[in-house]
N, C-alpha and C. Protein backbone atom coordinates (compact mmCIF):
# COMPACT_ATOMS: atom_id res chain seq x y z
N MET A 1 0.84 -1.19 0.00
CA MET A 1 0.00 0.00 0.00
C MET A 1 0.88 1.24 0.00
N GLU A 2 0.49 2.22 -0.80
CA GLU A 2 1.26 3.46 -0.83
C GLU A 2 0.87 4.35 0.34
N GLU A 3 1.79 5.23 0.73
CA GLU A 3 1.56 6.14 1.84
C GLU A 3 0.53 7.19 1.45
N GLN A 4 -0.47 7.38 2.29
CA GLN A 4 -1.54 8.35 2.02
C GLN A 4 -1.35 9.57 2.92
N PRO A 5 -1.82 10.74 2.48
CA PRO A 5 -1.76 11.91 3.34
C PRO A 5 -2.62 11.70 4.58
N GLN A 6 -2.21 12.23 5.69
CA GLN A 6 -2.99 12.12 6.93
C GLN A 6 -3.96 13.29 7.03
N PRO A 7 -5.20 13.02 7.41
CA PRO A 7 -6.15 14.13 7.57
C PRO A 7 -5.77 14.98 8.79
N PRO A 8 -6.04 16.27 8.73
CA PRO A 8 -5.70 17.13 9.87
C PRO A 8 -6.52 16.74 11.10
N GLN A 9 -5.84 16.51 12.22
CA GLN A 9 -6.50 16.06 13.44
C GLN A 9 -7.49 17.08 13.99
N ASP A 10 -7.22 18.38 13.78
CA ASP A 10 -8.09 19.41 14.34
C ASP A 10 -9.24 19.81 13.41
N ASP A 11 -9.34 19.16 12.27
CA ASP A 11 -10.41 19.45 11.30
C ASP A 11 -11.72 18.85 11.82
N PRO A 12 -12.81 19.60 11.84
CA PRO A 12 -14.09 19.08 12.31
C PRO A 12 -14.57 17.86 11.50
N ARG A 13 -14.23 17.82 10.22
CA ARG A 13 -14.62 16.66 9.41
C ARG A 13 -13.90 15.41 9.88
N THR A 14 -12.62 15.55 10.22
CA THR A 14 -11.85 14.42 10.75
C THR A 14 -12.47 13.96 12.06
N GLN A 15 -12.76 14.90 12.95
CA GLN A 15 -13.33 14.56 14.25
C GLN A 15 -14.66 13.83 14.09
N ARG A 16 -15.48 14.28 13.15
CA ARG A 16 -16.78 13.63 12.93
C ARG A 16 -16.60 12.19 12.45
N LEU A 17 -15.70 11.98 11.50
CA LEU A 17 -15.47 10.62 10.99
C LEU A 17 -14.89 9.71 12.08
N LEU A 18 -14.04 10.25 12.93
CA LEU A 18 -13.50 9.46 14.03
C LEU A 18 -14.61 9.10 15.03
N ARG A 19 -15.50 10.03 15.31
CA ARG A 19 -16.64 9.74 16.20
C ARG A 19 -17.55 8.67 15.60
N LEU A 20 -17.64 8.63 14.28
CA LEU A 20 -18.47 7.63 13.61
C LEU A 20 -17.82 6.24 13.58
N GLY A 21 -16.58 6.15 14.05
CA GLY A 21 -15.92 4.86 14.16
C GLY A 21 -14.85 4.57 13.13
N TYR A 22 -14.57 5.52 12.24
CA TYR A 22 -13.50 5.32 11.27
C TYR A 22 -12.16 5.58 11.93
N ASP A 23 -11.10 4.94 11.43
CA ASP A 23 -9.74 5.19 11.90
C ASP A 23 -9.12 6.27 11.04
N VAL A 24 -8.16 6.98 11.59
CA VAL A 24 -7.52 8.08 10.85
C VAL A 24 -6.80 7.55 9.60
N GLU A 25 -6.43 6.27 9.59
CA GLU A 25 -5.78 5.67 8.42
C GLU A 25 -6.78 5.28 7.34
N ASP A 26 -8.08 5.41 7.60
CA ASP A 26 -9.12 5.00 6.65
C ASP A 26 -9.43 6.03 5.58
N PHE A 27 -9.02 7.26 5.76
CA PHE A 27 -9.44 8.32 4.86
C PHE A 27 -8.45 9.48 4.86
N TYR A 28 -8.60 10.34 3.85
CA TYR A 28 -7.92 11.64 3.83
C TYR A 28 -8.79 12.56 2.99
N PHE A 29 -8.44 13.83 2.96
CA PHE A 29 -9.22 14.82 2.21
C PHE A 29 -8.41 15.34 1.04
N THR A 30 -9.09 15.53 -0.10
CA THR A 30 -8.43 16.15 -1.25
C THR A 30 -8.33 17.65 -0.99
N PRO A 31 -7.51 18.36 -1.77
CA PRO A 31 -7.45 19.82 -1.62
C PRO A 31 -8.82 20.48 -1.87
N GLU A 32 -9.68 19.80 -2.64
CA GLU A 32 -11.03 20.33 -2.91
C GLU A 32 -12.00 20.04 -1.76
N GLY A 33 -11.57 19.22 -0.79
CA GLY A 33 -12.40 18.94 0.37
C GLY A 33 -13.16 17.63 0.35
N TYR A 34 -12.92 16.80 -0.67
CA TYR A 34 -13.61 15.51 -0.74
C TYR A 34 -12.93 14.49 0.18
N VAL A 35 -13.71 13.57 0.72
CA VAL A 35 -13.17 12.46 1.49
C VAL A 35 -12.73 11.38 0.51
N VAL A 36 -11.53 10.85 0.70
CA VAL A 36 -11.03 9.75 -0.12
C VAL A 36 -10.79 8.58 0.83
N TRP A 37 -11.40 7.44 0.54
CA TRP A 37 -11.24 6.24 1.36
C TRP A 37 -9.99 5.51 0.89
N THR A 38 -9.16 5.10 1.85
CA THR A 38 -7.89 4.45 1.53
C THR A 38 -8.09 2.97 1.20
N GLU A 39 -7.06 2.37 0.64
CA GLU A 39 -7.10 0.93 0.35
C GLU A 39 -7.33 0.15 1.64
N GLN A 40 -6.71 0.60 2.73
CA GLN A 40 -6.90 -0.07 4.03
C GLN A 40 -8.37 -0.11 4.40
N TYR A 41 -9.08 1.00 4.23
CA TYR A 41 -10.50 1.03 4.56
C TYR A 41 -11.29 0.06 3.68
N HIS A 42 -11.00 0.05 2.39
CA HIS A 42 -11.73 -0.84 1.48
C HIS A 42 -11.52 -2.30 1.87
N ARG A 43 -10.29 -2.65 2.22
CA ARG A 43 -10.02 -4.04 2.62
C ARG A 43 -10.74 -4.38 3.92
N LYS A 44 -10.80 -3.44 4.86
CA LYS A 44 -11.54 -3.67 6.11
C LYS A 44 -13.02 -3.87 5.82
N ARG A 45 -13.56 -3.07 4.92
CA ARG A 45 -14.98 -3.18 4.56
C ARG A 45 -15.26 -4.53 3.93
N GLY A 46 -14.34 -5.01 3.09
CA GLY A 46 -14.42 -6.36 2.60
C GLY A 46 -15.14 -6.58 1.28
N TYR A 47 -15.57 -5.53 0.61
CA TYR A 47 -16.23 -5.71 -0.68
C TYR A 47 -16.12 -4.42 -1.49
N CYS A 48 -16.39 -4.53 -2.79
CA CYS A 48 -16.36 -3.38 -3.69
C CYS A 48 -17.76 -2.78 -3.80
N CYS A 49 -17.84 -1.47 -3.73
CA CYS A 49 -19.14 -0.78 -3.84
C CYS A 49 -19.46 -0.39 -5.28
N GLN A 50 -18.55 -0.68 -6.21
CA GLN A 50 -18.74 -0.38 -7.63
C GLN A 50 -18.85 1.12 -7.94
N SER A 51 -18.24 1.95 -7.08
CA SER A 51 -18.29 3.40 -7.29
C SER A 51 -17.05 3.95 -7.99
N GLY A 52 -16.09 3.09 -8.30
CA GLY A 52 -14.87 3.56 -8.95
C GLY A 52 -13.96 4.33 -8.01
N CYS A 53 -13.87 3.88 -6.77
CA CYS A 53 -13.05 4.57 -5.77
C CYS A 53 -11.57 4.59 -6.17
N ARG A 54 -10.92 5.67 -5.85
CA ARG A 54 -9.52 5.90 -6.22
C ARG A 54 -8.58 4.79 -5.76
N HIS A 55 -8.81 4.24 -4.58
CA HIS A 55 -7.90 3.24 -4.01
C HIS A 55 -8.56 1.86 -3.92
N CYS A 56 -9.47 1.56 -4.81
CA CYS A 56 -10.17 0.27 -4.79
C CYS A 56 -9.19 -0.89 -5.01
N PRO A 57 -9.10 -1.81 -4.03
CA PRO A 57 -8.21 -2.96 -4.21
C PRO A 57 -8.88 -4.11 -4.96
N TYR A 58 -10.12 -3.92 -5.40
CA TYR A 58 -10.88 -4.99 -6.04
C TYR A 58 -10.96 -4.83 -7.56
N GLY A 59 -10.10 -4.00 -8.13
CA GLY A 59 -10.04 -3.88 -9.58
C GLY A 59 -11.07 -2.94 -10.19
N ASN A 60 -11.59 -2.00 -9.39
CA ASN A 60 -12.61 -1.09 -9.90
C ASN A 60 -12.22 0.38 -9.74
N SER A 61 -10.92 0.64 -9.58
CA SER A 61 -10.47 2.03 -9.47
C SER A 61 -10.53 2.70 -10.84
N PRO A 62 -10.48 4.02 -10.91
CA PRO A 62 -10.48 4.68 -12.22
C PRO A 62 -9.33 4.19 -13.12
N ALA A 63 -8.16 3.95 -12.54
CA ALA A 63 -7.03 3.46 -13.34
C ALA A 63 -7.33 2.06 -13.88
N ASP A 64 -7.94 1.21 -13.05
CA ASP A 64 -8.29 -0.14 -13.50
C ASP A 64 -9.36 -0.09 -14.58
N ARG A 65 -10.34 0.80 -14.40
CA ARG A 65 -11.40 0.93 -15.41
C ARG A 65 -10.83 1.39 -16.74
N LYS A 66 -9.86 2.31 -16.69
CA LYS A 66 -9.25 2.82 -17.92
C LYS A 66 -8.51 1.71 -18.65
N LYS A 67 -7.78 0.87 -17.88
CA LYS A 67 -7.06 -0.26 -18.48
C LYS A 67 -8.04 -1.20 -19.19
N THR A 68 -9.16 -1.48 -18.52
CA THR A 68 -10.15 -2.40 -19.07
C THR A 68 -10.80 -1.84 -20.33
N SER A 69 -11.14 -0.55 -20.32
CA SER A 69 -11.83 0.03 -21.47
C SER A 69 -10.92 0.17 -22.69
N THR A 70 -9.62 0.36 -22.48
CA THR A 70 -8.71 0.50 -23.60
C THR A 70 -8.26 -0.84 -24.16
N SER A 71 -8.47 -1.93 -23.40
CA SER A 71 -8.02 -3.24 -23.87
C SER A 71 -9.12 -3.97 -24.64
N LYS A 72 -10.29 -3.37 -24.76
CA LYS A 72 -11.40 -4.01 -25.49
C LYS A 72 -11.32 -3.76 -26.96
């Protein structure tokens, strides 16, 4: 697994996600403010949601989708 940016501990969004039971290693925020779920979180969850998540370990990330669409 590649190293992911750590979410700011004092950010209210981080605090809310931690209160909801997520670990700080489960997510980070993009510069635009979106939550990005890490590969670690996806593996803990145990299945693919088919949303094309950036760090999907189940072969459904945008990079994986691009490989599949260009090989057809």
